Amino acid sequence: MSEQGGGKLYRKIVHAIVADIAAGKYPIGARLPAERDLTERFGVSRPTIREAMIALEMQGLVEARKGSGVFVLATSSSSGDEELDIGAFEITEARRLIEGEVAAVAATDIDEDQLVELRTLLAAMAQDDDAAAEDADRRFHIAIAEATGNAMLISAVTDAWDMRFRSPLARQVLAKAGSLGTKERMEEHGRILRALEARNPVEARLAMRDHLSRVIDHLLHVDETEAVERARAVTAQRRRALARRAV
């Protein structure tokens, strides 16, 4: 299975693992292969495997246990995966590709009034109200698309952003990840704005791609940190048990 194959890759993995479970390859109580093994088997990235595991959890088929792995809970699900839609990693990767080019086009077409709007929105991202800062972030990206004057690009950027909240799978990942942080948000969007002010399409493309690459890295880091914390908790529990036995 190639990552270049298009479509909702995590669903292909979900369907393959559901078929394996139904065929008895992974009976109830069995541990699924490690993430590294699954990435090799399916020829996809870690984010795609993680979205597949979350989708399987949302269907009640598997359970991620602290420090142990992912285990099979049931052999079938009463609900399909159609409602899960697209995952956060997949959406962000698409945004990186699309919005990088959008920023490059905007850098050659943007006018001073549009730059003033972007400066206002950047300032609004600094506020303590997370919901308001997130809304300013959304409007910042859409305003860049609007600077291109291309209705299809505006629609693509708006839909890609809003898909993060329409998709239950994406919402679950993003809710767990939380915000990048005000400092990082301001620095990265500030760099994008400066490239647009300089009418530099190469730097605008790079700044946008780097920003969205960091969003992906942030999502990965949250997953990895959570896994480390689970492992630490299990180790601490074992140490306490050993200490009690030694008394």
C-alpha atoms as a PDB file:
ATOM      1  CA  MET A   1       0.000   0.000   0.000  1.00  0.00           C
ATOM      2  CA  SER A   2       1.685   3.215  -1.142  1.00  0.00           C
ATOM      3  CA  GLU A   3       1.255   6.530   0.668  1.00  0.00           C
ATOM      4  CA  GLN A   4       1.036   8.104  -2.779  1.00  0.00           C
ATOM      5  CA  GLY A   5      -2.090   6.100  -3.590  1.00  0.00           C
ATOM      6  CA  GLY A   6      -4.512   8.821  -2.519  1.00  0.00           C
ATOM      7  CA  GLY A   7      -7.850   8.334  -0.836  1.00  0.00           C
ATOM      8  CA  LYS A   8      -8.342   8.051   2.874  1.00  0.00           C
ATOM      9  CA  LEU A   9      -5.345   5.872   3.676  1.00  0.00           C
ATOM     10  CA  TYR A  10      -6.238   5.289   7.299  1.00  0.00           C
ATOM     11  CA  ARG A  11      -9.522   3.698   6.163  1.00  0.00           C
ATOM     12  CA  LYS A  12      -7.669   1.161   4.029  1.00  0.00           C
ATOM     13  CA  ILE A  13      -5.646   0.185   7.076  1.00  0.00           C
ATOM     14  CA  VAL A  14      -8.771   0.041   9.245  1.00  0.00           C
ATOM     15  CA  HIS A  15     -10.491  -2.242   6.720  1.00  0.00           C
ATOM     16  CA  ALA A  16      -7.432  -4.528   6.523  1.00  0.00           C
ATOM     17  CA  ILE A  17      -7.135  -4.863  10.294  1.00  0.00           C
ATOM     18  CA  VAL A  18     -10.901  -5.345  10.713  1.00  0.00           C
ATOM     19  CA  ALA A  19     -10.650  -8.164   8.140  1.00  0.00           C
ATOM     20  CA  ASP A  20      -7.725  -9.702  10.067  1.00  0.00           C
ATOM     21  CA  ILE A  21      -9.712  -9.533  13.312  1.00  0.00           C
ATOM     22  CA  ALA A  22     -12.774 -11.085  11.682  1.00  0.00           C
ATOM     23  CA  ALA A  23     -10.615 -13.862  10.214  1.00  0.00           C
ATOM     24  CA  GLY A  24      -9.220 -14.699  13.652  1.00  0.00           C
ATOM     25  CA  LYS A  25      -5.688 -13.448  13.043  1.00  0.00           C
ATOM     26  CA  TYR A  26      -6.094 -11.133  16.031  1.00  0.00           C
ATOM     27  CA  PRO A  27      -8.623 -12.687  18.456  1.00  0.00           C
ATOM     28  CA  ILE A  28     -10.191 -10.791  21.350  1.00  0.00           C
ATOM     29  CA  GLY A  29      -7.479  -9.965  23.859  1.00  0.00           C
ATOM     30  CA  ALA A  30      -4.678 -10.149  21.291  1.00  0.00           C
ATOM     31  CA  ARG A  31      -2.199  -7.307  20.941  1.00  0.00           C
ATOM     32  CA  LEU A  32      -1.964  -5.675  17.531  1.00  0.00           C
ATOM     33  CA  PRO A  33       1.514  -5.378  15.955  1.00  0.00           C
ATOM     34  CA  ALA A  34       3.666  -2.456  17.026  1.00  0.00           C
ATOM     35  CA  GLU A  35       3.380   0.829  15.158  1.00  0.00           C
ATOM     36  CA  ARG A  36       6.722   0.301  13.424  1.00  0.00           C
ATOM     37  CA  ASP A  37       5.615  -3.113  12.142  1.00  0.00           C
ATOM     38  CA  LEU A  38       2.354  -1.675  10.832  1.00  0.00           C
ATOM     39  CA  THR A  39       4.120   1.189   9.030  1.00  0.00           C
ATOM     40  CA  GLU A  40       6.323  -1.391   7.290  1.00  0.00           C
ATOM     41  CA  ARG A  41       3.424  -3.681   6.452  1.00  0.00           C
ATOM     42  CA  PHE A  42       1.255  -0.973   4.920  1.00  0.00           C
ATOM     43  CA  GLY A  43       4.025   1.282   3.586  1.00  0.00           C
ATOM     44  CA  VAL A  44       2.587   4.401   5.206  1.00  0.00           C
ATOM     45  CA  SER A  45       3.687   6.993   7.741  1.00  0.00           C
ATOM     46  CA  ARG A  46       3.270   6.922  11.522  1.00  0.00           C
ATOM     47  CA  PRO A  47       0.501   9.563  11.439  1.00  0.00           C
ATOM     48  CA  THR A  48      -1.580   7.374   9.127  1.00  0.00           C
ATOM     49  CA  ILE A  49      -1.175   4.355  11.422  1.00  0.00           C
ATOM     50  CA  ARG A  50      -2.113   6.475  14.440  1.00  0.00           C
ATOM     51  CA  GLU A  51      -5.261   7.727  12.749  1.00  0.00           C
ATOM     52  CA  ALA A  52      -6.204   4.142  11.917  1.00  0.00           C
ATOM     53  CA  MET A  53      -5.760   3.101  15.558  1.00  0.00           C
ATOM     54  CA  ILE A  54      -7.897   6.021  16.746  1.00  0.00           C
ATOM     55  CA  ALA A  55     -10.574   5.080  14.201  1.00  0.00           C
ATOM     56  CA  LEU A  56     -10.564   1.482  15.443  1.00  0.00           C
ATOM     57  CA  GLU A  57     -10.860   2.728  19.034  1.00  0.00           C
ATOM     58  CA  MET A  58     -13.795   4.954  18.093  1.00  0.00           C
ATOM     59  CA  GLN A  59     -15.552   1.898  16.669  1.00  0.00           C
ATOM     60  CA  GLY A  60     -14.992  -0.023  19.913  1.00  0.00           C
ATOM     61  CA  LEU A  61     -12.851  -2.677  18.242  1.00  0.00           C
ATOM     62  CA  VAL A  62      -9.577  -2.018  20.049  1.00  0.00           C
ATOM     63  CA  GLU A  63      -8.255  -0.364  23.192  1.00  0.00           C
ATOM     64  CA  ALA A  64      -4.938   1.390  23.751  1.00  0.00           C
ATOM     65  CA  ARG A  65      -3.628   0.272  27.146  1.00  0.00           C
ATOM     66  CA  LYS A  66      -1.095   2.272  29.108  1.00  0.00           C
ATOM     67  CA  GLY A  67       2.425   1.180  28.339  1.00  0.00           C
ATOM     68  CA  SER A  68       1.275  -2.071  26.750  1.00  0.00           C
ATOM     69  CA  GLY A  69      -0.012  -1.423  23.239  1.00  0.00           C
ATOM     70  CA  VAL A  70      -3.284  -1.758  21.368  1.00  0.00           C
ATOM     71  CA  PHE A  71      -5.493  -4.753  22.142  1.00  0.00           C
ATOM     72  CA  VAL A  72      -8.534  -6.237  20.414  1.00  0.00           C
ATOM     73  CA  LEU A  73     -11.813  -5.757  22.298  1.00  0.00           C
ATOM     74  CA  ALA A  74     -14.356  -7.065  19.783  1.00  0.00           C
ATOM     75  CA  THR A  75     -14.505  -8.873  16.449  1.00  0.00           C
ATOM     76  CA  SER A  76     -17.105  -6.600  14.861  1.00  0.00           C
ATOM     77  CA  SER A  77     -18.486  -3.106  15.218  1.00  0.00           C
ATOM     78  CA  SER A  78     -22.114  -2.070  15.163  1.00  0.00           C
ATOM     79  CA  SER A  79     -21.137   1.183  13.482  1.00  0.00           C
ATOM     80  CA  GLY A  80     -19.165   1.620  10.270  1.00  0.00           C
ATOM     81  CA  ASP A  81     -16.277   4.032   9.816  1.00  0.00           C
ATOM     82  CA  GLU A  82     -17.920   6.214   7.173  1.00  0.00           C
ATOM     83  CA  GLU A  83     -18.820   8.894   9.688  1.00  0.00           C
ATOM     84  CA  LEU A  84     -15.225   9.208  10.890  1.00  0.00           C
ATOM     85  CA  ASP A  85     -14.206  11.086   7.755  1.00  0.00           C
ATOM     86  CA  ILE A  86     -10.638  12.390   7.378  1.00  0.00           C
ATOM     87  CA  GLY A  87      -7.995  12.437  10.081  1.00  0.00           C
ATOM     88  CA  ALA A  88      -6.043  15.434  11.394  1.00  0.00           C
ATOM     89  CA  PHE A  89      -2.690  14.363   9.950  1.00  0.00           C
ATOM     90  CA  GLU A  90      -4.170  13.845   6.495  1.00  0.00           C
ATOM     91  CA  ILE A  91      -5.946  17.207   6.599  1.00  0.00           C
ATOM     92  CA  THR A  92      -2.813  19.038   7.730  1.00  0.00           C
ATOM     93  CA  GLU A  93      -0.688  17.397   5.029  1.00  0.00           C
ATOM     94  CA  ALA A  94      -3.200  18.542   2.406  1.00  0.00           C
ATOM     95  CA  ARG A  95      -3.200  22.034   3.892  1.00  0.00           C
ATOM     96  CA  ARG A  96       0.603  22.139   3.736  1.00  0.00           C
ATOM     97  CA  LEU A  97       0.538  21.338   0.019  1.00  0.00           C
ATOM     98  CA  ILE A  98      -2.348  23.666  -0.852  1.00  0.00           C
ATOM     99  CA  GLU A  99      -1.642  26.617   1.416  1.00  0.00           C
ATOM    100  CA  GLY A 100       2.039  26.730   0.558  1.00  0.00           C
ATOM    101  CA  GLU A 101       1.133  27.451  -3.070  1.00  0.00           C
ATOM    102  CA  VAL A 102      -1.702  29.773  -2.028  1.00  0.00           C
ATOM    103  CA  ALA A 103       0.745  31.861   0.010  1.00  0.00           C
ATOM    104  CA  ALA A 104       3.133  32.040  -2.952  1.00  0.00           C
ATOM    105  CA  VAL A 105       0.354  33.320  -5.234  1.00  0.00           C
ATOM    106  CA  ALA A 106      -0.916  35.735  -2.578  1.00  0.00           C
ATOM    107  CA  ALA A 107       2.568  37.235  -2.218  1.00  0.00           C
ATOM    108  CA  THR A 108       2.412  38.492  -5.808  1.00  0.00           C
ATOM    109  CA  ASP A 109      -1.191  39.760  -5.649  1.00  0.00           C
ATOM    110  CA  ILE A 110      -1.809  41.032  -2.104  1.00  0.00           C
ATOM    111  CA  ASP A 111      -2.654  44.725  -1.631  1.00  0.00           C
ATOM    112  CA  GLU A 112      -2.086  47.034   1.325  1.00  0.00           C
ATOM    113  CA  ASP A 113      -5.662  46.782   2.662  1.00  0.00           C
ATOM    114  CA  GLN A 114      -5.318  42.999   2.788  1.00  0.00           C
ATOM    115  CA  LEU A 115      -1.993  43.300   4.593  1.00  0.00           C
ATOM    116  CA  VAL A 116      -3.624  45.600   7.159  1.00  0.00           C
ATOM    117  CA  GLU A 117      -6.285  42.937   7.738  1.00  0.00           C
ATOM    118  CA  LEU A 118      -3.612  40.268   8.245  1.00  0.00           C
ATOM    119  CA  ARG A 119      -1.765  42.473  10.756  1.00  0.00           C
ATOM    120  CA  THR A 120      -5.005  42.940  12.702  1.00  0.00           C
ATOM    121  CA  LEU A 121      -5.681  39.210  12.705  1.00  0.00           C
ATOM    122  CA  LEU A 122      -2.123  38.439  13.797  1.00  0.00           C
ATOM    123  CA  ALA A 123      -2.546  40.779  16.770  1.00  0.00           C
ATOM    124  CA  ALA A 124      -5.840  39.041  17.627  1.00  0.00           C
ATOM    125  CA  MET A 125      -4.023  35.686  17.825  1.00  0.00           C
ATOM    126  CA  ALA A 126      -2.101  36.948  20.855  1.00  0.00           C
ATOM    127  CA  GLN A 127      -5.161  37.172  23.123  1.00  0.00           C
ATOM    128  CA  ASP A 128      -5.723  34.806  26.048  1.00  0.00           C
ATOM    129  CA  ASP A 129      -9.165  33.723  24.805  1.00  0.00           C
ATOM    130  CA  ASP A 130      -8.287  30.448  23.050  1.00  0.00           C
ATOM    131  CA  ALA A 131     -11.492  30.338  20.990  1.00  0.00           C
ATOM    132  CA  ALA A 132     -11.033  33.914  19.758  1.00  0.00           C
ATOM    133  CA  ALA A 133      -7.352  33.316  18.984  1.00  0.00           C
ATOM    134  CA  GLU A 134      -8.263  30.165  17.048  1.00  0.00           C
ATOM    135  CA  ASP A 135     -10.887  32.100  15.070  1.00  0.00           C
ATOM    136  CA  ALA A 136      -8.315  34.782  14.219  1.00  0.00           C
ATOM    137  CA  ASP A 137      -5.945  32.022  13.099  1.00  0.00           C
ATOM    138  CA  ARG A 138      -8.633  30.580  10.807  1.00  0.00           C
ATOM    139  CA  ARG A 139      -9.472  33.996   9.336  1.00  0.00           C
ATOM    140  CA  PHE A 140      -5.747  34.735   8.808  1.00  0.00           C
ATOM    141  CA  HIS A 141      -5.358  31.672   6.576  1.00  0.00           C
ATOM    142  CA  ILE A 142      -8.567  32.354   4.687  1.00  0.00           C
ATOM    143  CA  ALA A 143      -7.590  36.023   4.205  1.00  0.00           C
ATOM    144  CA  ILE A 144      -4.369  34.895   2.516  1.00  0.00           C
ATOM    145  CA  ALA A 145      -6.424  32.753   0.145  1.00  0.00           C
ATOM    146  CA  GLU A 146      -8.747  35.719  -0.510  1.00  0.00           C
ATOM    147  CA  ALA A 147      -5.702  37.774  -1.532  1.00  0.00           C
ATOM    148  CA  THR A 148      -5.255  35.426  -4.506  1.00  0.00           C
ATOM    149  CA  GLY A 149      -8.670  36.443  -5.895  1.00  0.00           C
ATOM    150  CA  ASN A 150      -9.238  32.802  -6.871  1.00  0.00           C
ATOM    151  CA  ALA A 151     -12.599  31.458  -5.670  1.00  0.00           C
ATOM    152  CA  MET A 152     -11.486  27.822  -5.916  1.00  0.00           C
ATOM    153  CA  LEU A 153      -8.424  28.444  -3.751  1.00  0.00           C
ATOM    154  CA  ILE A 154     -10.515  30.336  -1.195  1.00  0.00           C
ATOM    155  CA  SER A 155     -12.986  27.457  -1.065  1.00  0.00           C
ATOM    156  CA  ALA A 156     -10.211  24.852  -0.786  1.00  0.00           C
ATOM    157  CA  VAL A 157      -8.519  26.612   2.142  1.00  0.00           C
ATOM    158  CA  THR A 158     -11.824  27.255   3.932  1.00  0.00           C
ATOM    159  CA  ASP A 159     -13.017  23.665   3.477  1.00  0.00           C
ATOM    160  CA  ALA A 160      -9.687  22.156   4.560  1.00  0.00           C
ATOM    161  CA  TRP A 161      -9.656  24.273   7.722  1.00  0.00           C
ATOM    162  CA  ASP A 162     -13.280  23.566   8.629  1.00  0.00           C
ATOM    163  CA  MET A 163     -12.930  19.831   7.903  1.00  0.00           C
ATOM    164  CA  ARG A 164     -10.848  19.661  11.092  1.00  0.00           C
ATOM    165  CA  PHE A 165     -14.029  20.274  13.068  1.00  0.00           C
ATOM    166  CA  ARG A 166     -16.529  18.372  10.907  1.00  0.00           C
ATOM    167  CA  SER A 167     -14.544  15.141  11.159  1.00  0.00           C
ATOM    168  CA  PRO A 168     -14.953  13.309  14.495  1.00  0.00           C
ATOM    169  CA  LEU A 169     -11.610  11.595  13.969  1.00  0.00           C
ATOM    170  CA  ALA A 170      -9.791  14.899  13.378  1.00  0.00           C
ATOM    171  CA  ARG A 171     -11.562  16.543  16.324  1.00  0.00           C
ATOM    172  CA  GLN A 172     -10.426  13.801  18.669  1.00  0.00           C
ATOM    173  CA  VAL A 173      -6.766  14.110  17.644  1.00  0.00           C
ATOM    174  CA  LEU A 174      -6.793  17.928  17.718  1.00  0.00           C
ATOM    175  CA  ALA A 175      -8.563  18.083  21.072  1.00  0.00           C
ATOM    176  CA  LYS A 176      -5.867  15.853  22.566  1.00  0.00           C
ATOM    177  CA  ALA A 177      -3.083  17.913  20.984  1.00  0.00           C
ATOM    178  CA  GLY A 178      -4.340  21.329  22.012  1.00  0.00           C
ATOM    179  CA  SER A 179      -2.795  24.557  20.749  1.00  0.00           C
ATOM    180  CA  LEU A 180       0.702  25.049  19.405  1.00  0.00           C
ATOM    181  CA  GLY A 181       1.119  27.823  21.967  1.00  0.00           C
ATOM    182  CA  THR A 182       0.798  31.588  21.638  1.00  0.00           C
ATOM    183  CA  LYS A 183       4.529  32.251  21.199  1.00  0.00           C
ATOM    184  CA  GLU A 184       4.905  29.717  18.398  1.00  0.00           C
ATOM    185  CA  ARG A 185       1.681  30.826  16.729  1.00  0.00           C
ATOM    186  CA  MET A 186       2.801  34.452  16.708  1.00  0.00           C
ATOM    187  CA  GLU A 187       6.317  33.679  15.456  1.00  0.00           C
ATOM    188  CA  GLU A 188       5.220  31.413  12.625  1.00  0.00           C
ATOM    189  CA  HIS A 189       2.354  33.573  11.407  1.00  0.00           C
ATOM    190  CA  GLY A 190       4.566  36.633  11.759  1.00  0.00           C
ATOM    191  CA  ARG A 191       7.082  35.052   9.402  1.00  0.00           C
ATOM    192  CA  ILE A 192       4.323  34.346   6.873  1.00  0.00           C
ATOM    193  CA  LEU A 193       3.131  37.938   7.118  1.00  0.00           C
ATOM    194  CA  ARG A 194       6.626  39.361   6.633  1.00  0.00           C
ATOM    195  CA  ALA A 195       7.078  37.289   3.474  1.00  0.00           C
ATOM    196  CA  LEU A 196       3.770  38.604   2.127  1.00  0.00           C
ATOM    197  CA  GLU A 197       4.743  42.173   3.005  1.00  0.00           C
ATOM    198  CA  ALA A 198       8.000  41.657   1.095  1.00  0.00           C
ATOM    199  CA  ARG A 199       6.016  40.251  -1.873  1.00  0.00           C
ATOM    200  CA  ASN A 200       8.356  37.248  -1.760  1.00  0.00           C
ATOM    201  CA  PRO A 201       6.542  34.151  -3.099  1.00  0.00           C
ATOM    202  CA  VAL A 202       9.426  31.755  -2.381  1.00  0.00           C
ATOM    203  CA  GLU A 203       9.680  32.773   1.274  1.00  0.00           C
ATOM    204  CA  ALA A 204       5.872  32.911   1.650  1.00  0.00           C
ATOM    205  CA  ARG A 205       5.581  29.323   0.393  1.00  0.00           C
ATOM    206  CA  LEU A 206       8.383  28.141   2.678  1.00  0.00           C
ATOM    207  CA  ALA A 207       7.051  29.977   5.736  1.00  0.00           C
ATOM    208  CA  MET A 208       3.576  28.465   5.275  1.00  0.00           C
ATOM    209  CA  ARG A 209       4.915  24.971   4.695  1.00  0.00           C
ATOM    210  CA  ASP A 210       7.224  25.202   7.710  1.00  0.00           C
ATOM    211  CA  HIS A 211       4.322  26.362   9.884  1.00  0.00           C
ATOM    212  CA  LEU A 212       2.082  23.461   8.874  1.00  0.00           C
ATOM    213  CA  SER A 213       4.978  21.008   9.152  1.00  0.00           C
ATOM    214  CA  ARG A 214       5.321  22.121  12.763  1.00  0.00           C
ATOM    215  CA  VAL A 215       1.616  21.471  13.303  1.00  0.00           C
ATOM    216  CA  ILE A 216       2.191  17.886  12.147  1.00  0.00           C
ATOM    217  CA  ASP A 217       5.290  17.589  14.366  1.00  0.00           C
ATOM    218  CA  HIS A 218       3.237  18.910  17.294  1.00  0.00           C
ATOM    219  CA  LEU A 219       0.568  16.244  16.795  1.00  0.00           C
ATOM    220  CA  LEU A 220       3.244  13.545  16.661  1.00  0.00           C
ATOM    221  CA  HIS A 221       4.976  14.899  19.759  1.00  0.00           C
ATOM    222  CA  VAL A 222       1.734  14.860  21.744  1.00  0.00           C
ATOM    223  CA  ASP A 223       1.175  11.204  20.849  1.00  0.00           C
ATOM    224  CA  GLU A 224       4.757  10.292  21.725  1.00  0.00           C
ATOM    225  CA  THR A 225       4.720  12.262  24.991  1.00  0.00           C
ATOM    226  CA  GLU A 226       1.485  10.570  26.002  1.00  0.00           C
ATOM    227  CA  ALA A 227       3.037   7.167  25.283  1.00  0.00           C
ATOM    228  CA  VAL A 228       6.113   8.028  27.381  1.00  0.00           C
ATOM    229  CA  GLU A 229       3.929   9.227  30.271  1.00  0.00           C
ATOM    230  CA  ARG A 230       1.918   5.988  30.117  1.00  0.00           C
ATOM    231  CA  ALA A 231       5.141   3.963  30.246  1.00  0.00           C
ATOM    232  CA  ARG A 232       6.422   6.016  33.193  1.00  0.00           C
ATOM    233  CA  ALA A 233       3.161   5.479  35.066  1.00  0.00           C
ATOM    234  CA  VAL A 234       3.355   1.718  34.560  1.00  0.00           C
ATOM    235  CA  THR A 235       7.012   1.647  35.681  1.00  0.00           C
ATOM    236  CA  ALA A 236       6.194   3.665  38.807  1.00  0.00           C
ATOM    237  CA  GLN A 237       3.324   1.305  39.597  1.00  0.00           C
ATOM    238  CA  ARG A 238       5.610  -1.718  39.289  1.00  0.00           C
ATOM    239  CA  ARG A 239       8.223  -0.102  41.533  1.00  0.00           C
ATOM    240  CA  ARG A 240       5.595   0.543  44.199  1.00  0.00           C
ATOM    241  CA  ALA A 241       4.451  -3.070  43.976  1.00  0.00           C
ATOM    242  CA  LEU A 242       8.030  -4.307  44.362  1.00  0.00           C
ATOM    243  CA  ALA A 243       8.578  -1.990  47.321  1.00  0.00           C
ATOM    244  CA  ARG A 244       5.501  -3.383  49.071  1.00  0.00           C
ATOM    245  CA  ARG A 245       6.714  -6.939  48.535  1.00  0.00           C
ATOM    246  CA  ALA A 246      10.103  -6.077  50.034  1.00  0.00           C
ATOM    247  CA  VAL A 247       8.569  -4.866  53.302  1.00  0.00           C
END
